[in-house]
Amino acid sequence: MITGSMFSGKTDELIRRLRRAAIARLKVQVFKPLIDDRFETEMLTSHAGGQFEAAPIENVEAILEQIDGDTTLVAIDEAQFFDDMILKVCSDMADEGRRVIVAGLDTDFRGNPFGPIPRLMATAERVDKLHAICMVCGRPASRTQRLIDNAPARASDPIIVVGASELYEARCREHHEVPE
């Protein structure tokens, strides 16, 4: 499990691990949610520009339909956008002997646990929580700040709004704001 705030390097770390697996000649399949349309549709793309081929899927059940029998490593990016079925799918694949790497935001813009990520973290053999740099003070950032017209989004705003640096910043606890 690779987790953290936006701009913490989650996708870069996932891509780094995938490249190493490819060098080791492992059969790799990568999936990402169809809703994540910020960059290229059939590529994992990090904010820093790293890329790796990925299959866009509408739901995690599609992984079961698309997985090849000889795949040894399965990677799933932006897992916070999937429902709780991801827990069973990941567990079943791990039980089959596949290595499963999942990346996703641990908290939403409000600072609350995001989707299935907390339960994935609890059941993972390894969890790497990455930190970004606070855009206000430069200290380590563990929060994702959503901005609307350069002001913090309100707690009543929708949880899921797909975007990048035009809508979000990394913030430390002190500078993370969510007005009521």
C-alpha atoms as a PDB file:
ATOM      1  CA  MET A   1       0.000   0.000   0.000  1.00  0.00           C
ATOM      2  CA  ILE A   2       1.315   3.410  -0.999  1.00  0.00           C
ATOM      3  CA  THR A   3      -0.628   6.275   0.494  1.00  0.00           C
ATOM      4  CA  GLY A   4      -0.425   9.946   1.416  1.00  0.00           C
ATOM      5  CA  SER A   5      -1.747  13.324   0.327  1.00  0.00           C
ATOM      6  CA  MET A   6      -1.854  14.659  -3.189  1.00  0.00           C
ATOM      7  CA  PHE A   7       1.584  15.605  -4.542  1.00  0.00           C
ATOM      8  CA  SER A   8       3.366  13.234  -2.129  1.00  0.00           C
ATOM      9  CA  GLY A   9       4.741  11.047  -4.937  1.00  0.00           C
ATOM     10  CA  LYS A  10       2.404   8.045  -4.649  1.00  0.00           C
ATOM     11  CA  THR A  11       2.131   7.441  -8.388  1.00  0.00           C
ATOM     12  CA  ASP A  12       5.847   8.083  -8.901  1.00  0.00           C
ATOM     13  CA  GLU A  13       6.630   5.453  -6.259  1.00  0.00           C
ATOM     14  CA  LEU A  14       4.174   3.033  -7.856  1.00  0.00           C
ATOM     15  CA  ILE A  15       5.749   3.583 -11.281  1.00  0.00           C
ATOM     16  CA  ARG A  16       9.234   3.076  -9.793  1.00  0.00           C
ATOM     17  CA  ARG A  17       8.156  -0.299  -8.379  1.00  0.00           C
ATOM     18  CA  LEU A  18       6.504  -1.286 -11.648  1.00  0.00           C
ATOM     19  CA  ARG A  19       9.640  -0.490 -13.632  1.00  0.00           C
ATOM     20  CA  ARG A  20      11.689  -2.642 -11.263  1.00  0.00           C
ATOM     21  CA  ALA A  21       9.189  -5.486 -11.684  1.00  0.00           C
ATOM     22  CA  ALA A  22       9.443  -5.155 -15.464  1.00  0.00           C
ATOM     23  CA  ILE A  23      13.251  -5.319 -15.233  1.00  0.00           C
ATOM     24  CA  ALA A  24      12.808  -8.516 -13.191  1.00  0.00           C
ATOM     25  CA  ARG A  25      10.636  -9.830 -16.049  1.00  0.00           C
ATOM     26  CA  LEU A  26       7.533 -10.153 -13.897  1.00  0.00           C
ATOM     27  CA  LYS A  27       4.186 -10.206 -15.689  1.00  0.00           C
ATOM     28  CA  VAL A  28       2.587  -6.923 -14.589  1.00  0.00           C
ATOM     29  CA  GLN A  29      -0.940  -5.589 -15.047  1.00  0.00           C
ATOM     30  CA  VAL A  30      -1.892  -2.094 -13.933  1.00  0.00           C
ATOM     31  CA  PHE A  31      -5.369  -0.682 -13.387  1.00  0.00           C
ATOM     32  CA  LYS A  32      -6.712   2.773 -12.682  1.00  0.00           C
ATOM     33  CA  PRO A  33     -10.237   4.167 -12.278  1.00  0.00           C
ATOM     34  CA  LEU A  34     -11.930   5.425 -15.415  1.00  0.00           C
ATOM     35  CA  ILE A  35     -12.977   8.538 -13.450  1.00  0.00           C
ATOM     36  CA  ASP A  36      -9.315   9.654 -13.280  1.00  0.00           C
ATOM     37  CA  ASP A  37      -9.188  11.492 -16.605  1.00  0.00           C
ATOM     38  CA  ARG A  38      -6.602  14.137 -15.650  1.00  0.00           C
ATOM     39  CA  PHE A  39      -3.921  12.767 -17.971  1.00  0.00           C
ATOM     40  CA  GLU A  40      -3.796  10.054 -20.629  1.00  0.00           C
ATOM     41  CA  THR A  41      -6.595   7.508 -20.432  1.00  0.00           C
ATOM     42  CA  GLU A  42      -4.477   4.350 -20.716  1.00  0.00           C
ATOM     43  CA  MET A  43      -1.439   5.503 -18.741  1.00  0.00           C
ATOM     44  CA  LEU A  44      -0.589   6.057 -15.118  1.00  0.00           C
ATOM     45  CA  THR A  45       0.818   9.560 -15.159  1.00  0.00           C
ATOM     46  CA  SER A  46       2.363  11.218 -12.133  1.00  0.00           C
ATOM     47  CA  HIS A  47       2.341  14.959 -11.500  1.00  0.00           C
ATOM     48  CA  ALA A  48       6.101  14.815 -12.152  1.00  0.00           C
ATOM     49  CA  GLY A  49       5.527  13.284 -15.607  1.00  0.00           C
ATOM     50  CA  GLY A  50       6.358   9.614 -14.994  1.00  0.00           C
ATOM     51  CA  GLN A  51       4.226   7.159 -16.984  1.00  0.00           C
ATOM     52  CA  PHE A  52       3.365   3.468 -17.118  1.00  0.00           C
ATOM     53  CA  GLU A  53       0.731   1.687 -19.191  1.00  0.00           C
ATOM     54  CA  ALA A  54      -2.542   1.054 -17.329  1.00  0.00           C
ATOM     55  CA  ALA A  55      -6.029  -0.204 -18.084  1.00  0.00           C
ATOM     56  CA  PRO A  56      -8.819   2.211 -17.118  1.00  0.00           C
ATOM     57  CA  ILE A  57     -11.670   0.403 -15.348  1.00  0.00           C
ATOM     58  CA  GLU A  58     -15.111   1.453 -14.180  1.00  0.00           C
ATOM     59  CA  ASN A  59     -15.119  -0.834 -11.126  1.00  0.00           C
ATOM     60  CA  VAL A  60     -12.835  -3.358  -9.433  1.00  0.00           C
ATOM     61  CA  GLU A  61     -14.838  -6.302 -10.733  1.00  0.00           C
ATOM     62  CA  ALA A  62     -13.330  -5.422 -14.133  1.00  0.00           C
ATOM     63  CA  ILE A  63      -9.921  -6.460 -12.779  1.00  0.00           C
ATOM     64  CA  LEU A  64     -11.192 -10.005 -12.389  1.00  0.00           C
ATOM     65  CA  GLU A  65     -12.418  -9.960 -15.990  1.00  0.00           C
ATOM     66  CA  GLN A  66      -9.149  -8.591 -17.384  1.00  0.00           C
ATOM     67  CA  ILE A  67      -6.500 -10.316 -15.264  1.00  0.00           C
ATOM     68  CA  ASP A  68      -4.303 -12.791 -17.133  1.00  0.00           C
ATOM     69  CA  GLY A  69      -3.604 -16.160 -15.542  1.00  0.00           C
ATOM     70  CA  ASP A  70       0.165 -15.653 -15.626  1.00  0.00           C
ATOM     71  CA  THR A  71       0.166 -12.147 -14.087  1.00  0.00           C
ATOM     72  CA  THR A  72       2.391 -12.073 -11.017  1.00  0.00           C
ATOM     73  CA  LEU A  73       2.038  -8.404 -10.024  1.00  0.00           C
ATOM     74  CA  VAL A  74      -1.167  -6.377 -10.041  1.00  0.00           C
ATOM     75  CA  ALA A  75      -1.089  -2.625  -9.379  1.00  0.00           C
ATOM     76  CA  ILE A  76      -4.076  -0.384  -8.718  1.00  0.00           C
ATOM     77  CA  ASP A  77      -3.733   3.399  -8.634  1.00  0.00           C
ATOM     78  CA  GLU A  78      -6.172   5.962  -7.177  1.00  0.00           C
ATOM     79  CA  ALA A  79      -7.876   3.211  -5.163  1.00  0.00           C
ATOM     80  CA  GLN A  80      -9.864   5.737  -3.117  1.00  0.00           C
ATOM     81  CA  PHE A  81     -12.265   5.993  -6.068  1.00  0.00           C
ATOM     82  CA  PHE A  82     -13.307   2.321  -5.820  1.00  0.00           C
ATOM     83  CA  ASP A  83     -15.865   0.764  -3.490  1.00  0.00           C
ATOM     84  CA  ASP A  84     -15.227  -1.774  -0.725  1.00  0.00           C
ATOM     85  CA  MET A  85     -15.172  -4.646  -3.234  1.00  0.00           C
ATOM     86  CA  ILE A  86     -11.513  -3.716  -3.747  1.00  0.00           C
ATOM     87  CA  LEU A  87     -10.762  -5.312  -0.357  1.00  0.00           C
ATOM     88  CA  LYS A  88     -11.981  -8.726  -1.497  1.00  0.00           C
ATOM     89  CA  VAL A  89     -10.430  -8.459  -4.964  1.00  0.00           C
ATOM     90  CA  CYS A  90      -7.006  -7.547  -3.521  1.00  0.00           C
ATOM     91  CA  SER A  91      -7.211 -10.218  -0.827  1.00  0.00           C
ATOM     92  CA  ASP A  92      -8.231 -12.897  -3.331  1.00  0.00           C
ATOM     93  CA  MET A  93      -5.383 -11.969  -5.698  1.00  0.00           C
ATOM     94  CA  ALA A  94      -2.874 -12.030  -2.826  1.00  0.00           C
ATOM     95  CA  ASP A  95      -4.233 -15.416  -1.703  1.00  0.00           C
ATOM     96  CA  GLU A  96      -3.587 -16.676  -5.259  1.00  0.00           C
ATOM     97  CA  GLY A  97       0.071 -15.744  -4.811  1.00  0.00           C
ATOM     98  CA  ARG A  98       0.029 -12.508  -6.798  1.00  0.00           C
ATOM     99  CA  ARG A  99       1.859  -9.467  -5.510  1.00  0.00           C
ATOM    100  CA  VAL A 100      -0.643  -6.608  -5.191  1.00  0.00           C
ATOM    101  CA  ILE A 101       0.391  -2.963  -4.920  1.00  0.00           C
ATOM    102  CA  VAL A 102      -2.317  -0.386  -4.258  1.00  0.00           C
ATOM    103  CA  ALA A 103      -1.875   3.402  -4.227  1.00  0.00           C
ATOM    104  CA  GLY A 104      -4.358   6.024  -3.120  1.00  0.00           C
ATOM    105  CA  LEU A 105      -5.181   9.048  -1.001  1.00  0.00           C
ATOM    106  CA  ASP A 106      -5.565   8.184   2.671  1.00  0.00           C
ATOM    107  CA  THR A 107      -7.748  11.211   3.421  1.00  0.00           C
ATOM    108  CA  ASP A 108     -10.144  13.386   1.447  1.00  0.00           C
ATOM    109  CA  PHE A 109      -9.918  17.190   1.222  1.00  0.00           C
ATOM    110  CA  ARG A 110     -11.710  17.450   4.573  1.00  0.00           C
ATOM    111  CA  GLY A 111      -8.999  15.379   6.287  1.00  0.00           C
ATOM    112  CA  ASN A 112     -11.298  12.364   6.784  1.00  0.00           C
ATOM    113  CA  PRO A 113     -10.393   8.755   5.869  1.00  0.00           C
ATOM    114  CA  PHE A 114     -11.073   8.281   2.147  1.00  0.00           C
ATOM    115  CA  GLY A 115     -13.133   5.371   0.829  1.00  0.00           C
ATOM    116  CA  PRO A 116     -11.630   1.889   1.225  1.00  0.00           C
ATOM    117  CA  ILE A 117      -8.068   3.119   1.867  1.00  0.00           C
ATOM    118  CA  PRO A 118      -8.105   2.778   5.685  1.00  0.00           C
ATOM    119  CA  ARG A 119      -9.261  -0.846   5.446  1.00  0.00           C
ATOM    120  CA  LEU A 120      -6.711  -1.574   2.726  1.00  0.00           C
ATOM    121  CA  MET A 121      -4.008  -0.088   4.965  1.00  0.00           C
ATOM    122  CA  ALA A 122      -5.154  -2.260   7.871  1.00  0.00           C
ATOM    123  CA  THR A 123      -4.947  -5.475   5.836  1.00  0.00           C
ATOM    124  CA  ALA A 124      -1.798  -4.723   3.822  1.00  0.00           C
ATOM    125  CA  GLU A 125       1.466  -6.449   4.660  1.00  0.00           C
ATOM    126  CA  ARG A 126       3.305  -3.165   4.082  1.00  0.00           C
ATOM    127  CA  VAL A 127       2.140   0.449   4.147  1.00  0.00           C
ATOM    128  CA  ASP A 128       4.262   3.348   2.932  1.00  0.00           C
ATOM    129  CA  LYS A 129       2.797   6.732   3.853  1.00  0.00           C
ATOM    130  CA  LEU A 130       4.409   9.492   1.829  1.00  0.00           C
ATOM    131  CA  HIS A 131       4.391  13.213   2.578  1.00  0.00           C
ATOM    132  CA  ALA A 132       4.357  16.195   0.266  1.00  0.00           C
ATOM    133  CA  ILE A 133       5.630  19.711   0.988  1.00  0.00           C
ATOM    134  CA  CYS A 134       3.208  22.241   2.451  1.00  0.00           C
ATOM    135  CA  MET A 135       2.542  24.968  -0.108  1.00  0.00           C
ATOM    136  CA  VAL A 136       2.218  27.534   2.694  1.00  0.00           C
ATOM    137  CA  CYS A 137       5.218  26.896   4.968  1.00  0.00           C
ATOM    138  CA  GLY A 138       7.387  24.246   3.316  1.00  0.00           C
ATOM    139  CA  ARG A 139       7.086  21.689   6.137  1.00  0.00           C
ATOM    140  CA  PRO A 140       6.032  18.063   5.503  1.00  0.00           C
ATOM    141  CA  ALA A 141       2.414  17.931   4.345  1.00  0.00           C
ATOM    142  CA  SER A 142      -0.023  15.128   5.060  1.00  0.00           C
ATOM    143  CA  ARG A 143      -3.233  16.860   3.937  1.00  0.00           C
ATOM    144  CA  THR A 144      -4.855  17.667   0.612  1.00  0.00           C
ATOM    145  CA  GLN A 145      -6.284  21.178   0.396  1.00  0.00           C
ATOM    146  CA  ARG A 146      -9.011  21.708  -2.208  1.00  0.00           C
ATOM    147  CA  LEU A 147      -9.288  25.256  -3.472  1.00  0.00           C
ATOM    148  CA  ILE A 148     -12.233  26.950  -5.145  1.00  0.00           C
ATOM    149  CA  ASP A 149     -11.350  30.349  -6.625  1.00  0.00           C
ATOM    150  CA  ASN A 150      -8.141  30.245  -4.538  1.00  0.00           C
ATOM    151  CA  ALA A 151     -10.077  29.803  -1.271  1.00  0.00           C
ATOM    152  CA  PRO A 152     -10.422  26.602   0.791  1.00  0.00           C
ATOM    153  CA  ALA A 153     -13.356  24.398  -0.218  1.00  0.00           C
ATOM    154  CA  ARG A 154     -16.159  24.181   2.313  1.00  0.00           C
ATOM    155  CA  ALA A 155     -16.959  21.027   4.267  1.00  0.00           C
ATOM    156  CA  SER A 156     -20.301  20.849   2.422  1.00  0.00           C
ATOM    157  CA  ASP A 157     -18.637  20.642  -1.012  1.00  0.00           C
ATOM    158  CA  PRO A 158     -18.652  17.259  -2.823  1.00  0.00           C
ATOM    159  CA  ILE A 159     -15.958  14.821  -1.715  1.00  0.00           C
ATOM    160  CA  ILE A 160     -14.966  13.651  -5.196  1.00  0.00           C
ATOM    161  CA  VAL A 161     -13.800  16.302  -7.641  1.00  0.00           C
ATOM    162  CA  VAL A 162     -11.060  15.073  -9.964  1.00  0.00           C
ATOM    163  CA  GLY A 163      -8.316  17.595 -10.546  1.00  0.00           C
ATOM    164  CA  ALA A 164      -4.654  18.424 -10.098  1.00  0.00           C
ATOM    165  CA  SER A 165      -2.714  21.564  -9.115  1.00  0.00           C
ATOM    166  CA  GLU A 166      -5.486  23.820 -10.459  1.00  0.00           C
ATOM    167  CA  LEU A 167      -7.782  22.584  -7.640  1.00  0.00           C
ATOM    168  CA  TYR A 168      -5.519  21.119  -4.964  1.00  0.00           C
ATOM    169  CA  GLU A 169      -2.469  21.877  -2.836  1.00  0.00           C
ATOM    170  CA  ALA A 170      -0.532  19.886  -0.274  1.00  0.00           C
ATOM    171  CA  ARG A 171      -0.799  21.330   3.233  1.00  0.00           C
ATOM    172  CA  CYS A 172       0.473  20.545   6.708  1.00  0.00           C
ATOM    173  CA  ARG A 173      -2.031  20.136   9.558  1.00  0.00           C
ATOM    174  CA  GLU A 174      -1.541  23.754  10.668  1.00  0.00           C
ATOM    175  CA  HIS A 175      -2.343  25.240   7.247  1.00  0.00           C
ATOM    176  CA  HIS A 176      -5.088  22.819   6.163  1.00  0.00           C
ATOM    177  CA  GLU A 177      -8.455  24.607   6.237  1.00  0.00           C
ATOM    178  CA  VAL A 178     -12.001  23.319   5.820  1.00  0.00           C
ATOM    179  CA  PRO A 179     -14.570  26.049   6.592  1.00  0.00           C
ATOM    180  CA  GLU A 180     -18.003  24.903   7.754  1.00  0.00           C
END
